N, C-alpha and C. Protein backbone atom coordinates (compact mmCIF):
# COMPACT_ATOMS: atom_id res chain seq x y z
N MET A 1 148.26 80.40 109.87
CA MET A 1 147.09 79.60 110.02
C MET A 1 146.29 79.50 108.71
N LEU A 2 146.28 80.61 107.99
CA LEU A 2 145.53 80.58 106.72
C LEU A 2 146.15 79.61 105.73
N ILE A 3 147.48 79.58 105.69
CA ILE A 3 148.14 78.63 104.77
C ILE A 3 147.85 77.22 105.17
N LEU A 4 147.88 76.96 106.47
CA LEU A 4 147.56 75.60 106.93
C LEU A 4 146.11 75.22 106.56
N ALA A 5 145.19 76.15 106.77
CA ALA A 5 143.80 75.86 106.39
C ALA A 5 143.66 75.65 104.88
N LYS A 6 144.38 76.44 104.14
CA LYS A 6 144.36 76.29 102.66
C LYS A 6 144.91 74.95 102.24
N GLU A 7 146.01 74.55 102.79
CA GLU A 7 146.68 73.29 102.39
C GLU A 7 145.93 72.05 102.84
N THR A 8 145.17 72.16 103.91
CA THR A 8 144.49 70.96 104.45
C THR A 8 142.96 70.96 104.19
N ASP A 9 142.47 71.96 103.50
CA ASP A 9 141.03 72.09 103.24
C ASP A 9 140.23 72.18 104.55
N ALA A 10 140.87 72.65 105.59
CA ALA A 10 140.20 72.82 106.89
C ALA A 10 139.53 74.19 106.93
N PHE A 11 138.60 74.34 107.82
CA PHE A 11 137.98 75.63 108.03
C PHE A 11 138.88 76.51 108.88
N PHE A 12 138.88 77.80 108.57
CA PHE A 12 139.54 78.77 109.43
C PHE A 12 138.44 79.37 110.31
N ILE A 13 138.63 79.31 111.62
CA ILE A 13 137.61 79.82 112.55
C ILE A 13 138.18 81.00 113.29
N PRO A 14 137.77 82.21 112.92
CA PRO A 14 138.28 83.40 113.60
C PRO A 14 137.80 83.43 115.06
N MET A 15 138.75 83.64 115.98
CA MET A 15 138.45 83.62 117.41
C MET A 15 139.24 84.74 118.06
N ALA A 16 138.60 85.40 119.03
CA ALA A 16 139.27 86.45 119.80
C ALA A 16 138.84 86.36 121.24
N CYS A 17 139.67 86.92 122.11
CA CYS A 17 139.31 86.96 123.52
C CYS A 17 139.79 88.31 124.09
N SER A 18 139.18 88.66 125.22
CA SER A 18 139.52 89.88 125.90
C SER A 18 139.12 89.79 127.36
N GLY A 19 139.63 90.66 128.17
CA GLY A 19 139.27 90.71 129.56
C GLY A 19 139.81 92.01 130.17
N LYS A 20 139.36 92.30 131.35
CA LYS A 20 139.79 93.54 132.00
C LYS A 20 141.01 93.31 132.87
N ARG A 21 141.07 92.19 133.56
CA ARG A 21 142.20 91.90 134.46
C ARG A 21 143.19 90.98 133.74
N VAL A 22 144.03 91.57 132.92
CA VAL A 22 144.99 90.82 132.14
C VAL A 22 146.32 91.47 132.17
N VAL A 23 147.35 90.70 131.83
CA VAL A 23 148.68 91.26 131.59
C VAL A 23 148.87 91.25 130.08
N THR A 24 149.22 92.40 129.51
CA THR A 24 149.50 92.50 128.09
C THR A 24 150.96 92.32 127.82
N LEU A 25 151.29 91.40 126.94
CA LEU A 25 152.68 91.15 126.56
C LEU A 25 153.05 92.19 125.49
N SER A 26 153.46 93.35 125.91
CA SER A 26 153.65 94.48 125.01
C SER A 26 154.77 94.26 123.98
N LYS A 27 155.71 93.39 124.27
CA LYS A 27 156.80 93.14 123.32
C LYS A 27 156.44 92.06 122.32
N ALA A 28 155.34 91.37 122.52
CA ALA A 28 154.91 90.33 121.58
C ALA A 28 154.35 90.99 120.31
N TRP A 29 154.55 90.35 119.18
CA TRP A 29 154.12 90.93 117.91
C TRP A 29 152.59 91.16 117.88
N ASP A 30 151.86 90.35 118.62
CA ASP A 30 150.40 90.46 118.57
C ASP A 30 149.80 91.05 119.86
N LYS A 31 150.70 91.52 120.76
CA LYS A 31 150.24 92.10 122.02
C LYS A 31 149.32 91.12 122.77
N ALA A 32 149.75 89.89 122.83
CA ALA A 32 148.97 88.84 123.49
C ALA A 32 148.64 89.21 124.92
N ILE A 33 147.56 88.67 125.44
CA ILE A 33 147.18 88.93 126.81
C ILE A 33 147.13 87.62 127.60
N LEU A 34 147.45 87.71 128.87
CA LEU A 34 147.35 86.59 129.80
C LEU A 34 146.41 87.00 130.93
N PRO A 35 145.38 86.25 131.18
CA PRO A 35 144.44 86.61 132.25
C PRO A 35 145.08 86.41 133.60
N LEU A 36 144.79 87.33 134.52
CA LEU A 36 145.23 87.16 135.89
C LEU A 36 144.34 86.10 136.56
N PRO A 37 144.84 85.48 137.62
CA PRO A 37 144.05 84.44 138.28
C PRO A 37 142.64 84.94 138.68
N PHE A 38 141.66 84.10 138.42
CA PHE A 38 140.26 84.34 138.76
C PHE A 38 139.62 85.49 137.94
N SER A 39 140.28 85.93 136.90
CA SER A 39 139.66 86.98 136.08
C SER A 39 138.67 86.37 135.12
N GLU A 40 137.71 87.15 134.72
CA GLU A 40 136.74 86.70 133.71
C GLU A 40 137.19 87.14 132.34
N MET A 41 137.03 86.21 131.40
CA MET A 41 137.42 86.47 130.04
C MET A 41 136.21 86.34 129.11
N LEU A 42 136.24 87.11 128.05
CA LEU A 42 135.24 86.99 126.98
C LEU A 42 135.89 86.34 125.79
N ILE A 43 135.22 85.39 125.20
CA ILE A 43 135.70 84.72 124.01
C ILE A 43 134.56 84.70 123.00
N ASP A 44 134.88 85.03 121.73
CA ASP A 44 133.85 84.99 120.71
C ASP A 44 134.46 84.49 119.40
N PHE A 45 133.60 84.02 118.54
CA PHE A 45 134.01 83.46 117.27
C PHE A 45 133.24 84.15 116.16
N ALA A 46 133.87 84.30 115.01
CA ALA A 46 133.18 84.74 113.78
C ALA A 46 132.90 83.48 112.97
N PRO A 47 132.01 83.61 112.00
CA PRO A 47 131.69 82.44 111.17
C PRO A 47 132.93 81.83 110.52
N PRO A 48 133.06 80.52 110.53
CA PRO A 48 134.19 79.85 109.89
C PRO A 48 134.10 79.96 108.36
N PHE A 49 135.25 79.91 107.74
CA PHE A 49 135.28 79.91 106.27
C PHE A 49 136.43 79.06 105.77
N GLN A 50 136.26 78.58 104.53
CA GLN A 50 137.32 77.82 103.88
C GLN A 50 138.06 78.67 102.89
N ILE A 51 139.34 78.38 102.77
CA ILE A 51 140.18 79.10 101.81
C ILE A 51 140.45 78.16 100.63
N PRO A 52 140.09 78.59 99.45
CA PRO A 52 140.30 77.70 98.27
C PRO A 52 141.78 77.29 98.16
N SER A 53 141.99 76.06 97.79
CA SER A 53 143.37 75.55 97.76
C SER A 53 144.12 75.98 96.50
N ASP A 54 143.44 76.58 95.51
CA ASP A 54 144.10 76.92 94.28
C ASP A 54 144.39 78.44 94.16
N LEU A 55 144.54 79.12 95.28
CA LEU A 55 144.76 80.57 95.25
C LEU A 55 146.18 80.93 94.85
N SER A 56 146.31 82.04 94.15
CA SER A 56 147.65 82.60 93.87
C SER A 56 148.12 83.33 95.13
N ASP A 57 149.36 83.74 95.16
CA ASP A 57 149.89 84.47 96.30
C ASP A 57 149.12 85.78 96.52
N ALA A 58 148.79 86.46 95.42
CA ALA A 58 148.06 87.72 95.53
C ALA A 58 146.65 87.49 96.10
N GLU A 59 146.01 86.42 95.65
CA GLU A 59 144.67 86.11 96.14
C GLU A 59 144.72 85.71 97.63
N LEU A 60 145.76 84.97 97.98
CA LEU A 60 145.92 84.58 99.39
C LEU A 60 146.10 85.82 100.28
N GLU A 61 146.82 86.79 99.77
CA GLU A 61 147.01 88.06 100.49
C GLU A 61 145.66 88.76 100.70
N GLU A 62 144.80 88.71 99.73
CA GLU A 62 143.45 89.29 99.89
C GLU A 62 142.67 88.58 101.02
N TRP A 63 142.77 87.27 101.02
CA TRP A 63 142.11 86.47 102.11
C TRP A 63 142.73 86.81 103.45
N ARG A 64 144.06 86.99 103.50
CA ARG A 64 144.73 87.33 104.74
C ARG A 64 144.24 88.67 105.27
N ALA A 65 144.09 89.65 104.39
CA ALA A 65 143.62 90.98 104.77
C ALA A 65 142.19 90.89 105.28
N LYS A 66 141.37 90.07 104.65
CA LYS A 66 139.97 89.89 105.11
C LYS A 66 139.97 89.24 106.49
N ALA A 67 140.79 88.23 106.69
CA ALA A 67 140.85 87.56 108.01
C ALA A 67 141.36 88.54 109.07
N GLU A 68 142.34 89.32 108.76
CA GLU A 68 142.86 90.32 109.70
C GLU A 68 141.79 91.31 110.07
N ASP A 69 141.00 91.77 109.11
CA ASP A 69 139.91 92.71 109.40
C ASP A 69 138.86 92.07 110.32
N ILE A 70 138.49 90.84 110.04
CA ILE A 70 137.53 90.12 110.85
C ILE A 70 138.06 90.00 112.29
N LEU A 71 139.30 89.58 112.44
CA LEU A 71 139.87 89.38 113.77
C LEU A 71 139.99 90.72 114.52
N ASN A 72 140.39 91.79 113.80
CA ASN A 72 140.48 93.10 114.46
C ASN A 72 139.15 93.59 114.94
N ARG A 73 138.14 93.45 114.11
CA ARG A 73 136.78 93.90 114.53
C ARG A 73 136.24 93.08 115.68
N LEU A 74 136.48 91.78 115.65
CA LEU A 74 136.05 90.90 116.74
C LEU A 74 136.77 91.29 118.07
N THR A 75 138.07 91.49 117.98
CA THR A 75 138.84 91.85 119.16
C THR A 75 138.40 93.23 119.70
N ASP A 76 138.25 94.18 118.81
CA ASP A 76 137.83 95.52 119.23
C ASP A 76 136.47 95.50 119.96
N ARG A 77 135.55 94.69 119.43
CA ARG A 77 134.24 94.58 120.08
C ARG A 77 134.35 93.98 121.46
N LEU A 78 135.12 92.92 121.58
CA LEU A 78 135.28 92.28 122.88
C LEU A 78 136.03 93.19 123.85
N ASP A 79 137.02 93.93 123.38
CA ASP A 79 137.74 94.87 124.24
C ASP A 79 136.79 95.95 124.81
N ARG A 80 135.87 96.46 123.97
CA ARG A 80 134.90 97.45 124.44
C ARG A 80 133.98 96.85 125.49
N ILE A 81 133.49 95.64 125.26
CA ILE A 81 132.56 94.99 126.21
C ILE A 81 133.30 94.71 127.54
N ALA A 82 134.54 94.22 127.44
CA ALA A 82 135.27 93.83 128.64
C ALA A 82 135.84 95.03 129.41
N GLY A 83 135.97 96.17 128.73
CA GLY A 83 136.60 97.32 129.36
C GLY A 83 138.11 97.26 129.36
N TYR A 84 138.65 96.49 128.41
CA TYR A 84 140.13 96.35 128.28
C TYR A 84 140.72 97.70 127.85
N CYS A 85 141.79 98.09 128.49
CA CYS A 85 142.41 99.40 128.21
C CYS A 85 143.82 99.25 127.68
N GLY A 86 144.19 98.10 127.16
CA GLY A 86 145.50 97.72 126.69
C GLY A 86 146.37 98.81 126.28
């Protein structure tokens, strides 16, 4: 997604969700969750940012690490609020 945002000059909008009544896809690379019917979900966003189009591979890796940190912190916060025990 970062490469797509970089190539199109679009904003990257970090988003995460969590819930208590979910099925965790434990074999998925990102441990995705699927809400059970009628469950309540929490969704939150971090501030959007643009990735400069002239970045080197090393600089893009720095942006990727920053985005990963933002997404992990956002997810961890929502997991605590929702009571997710994944």
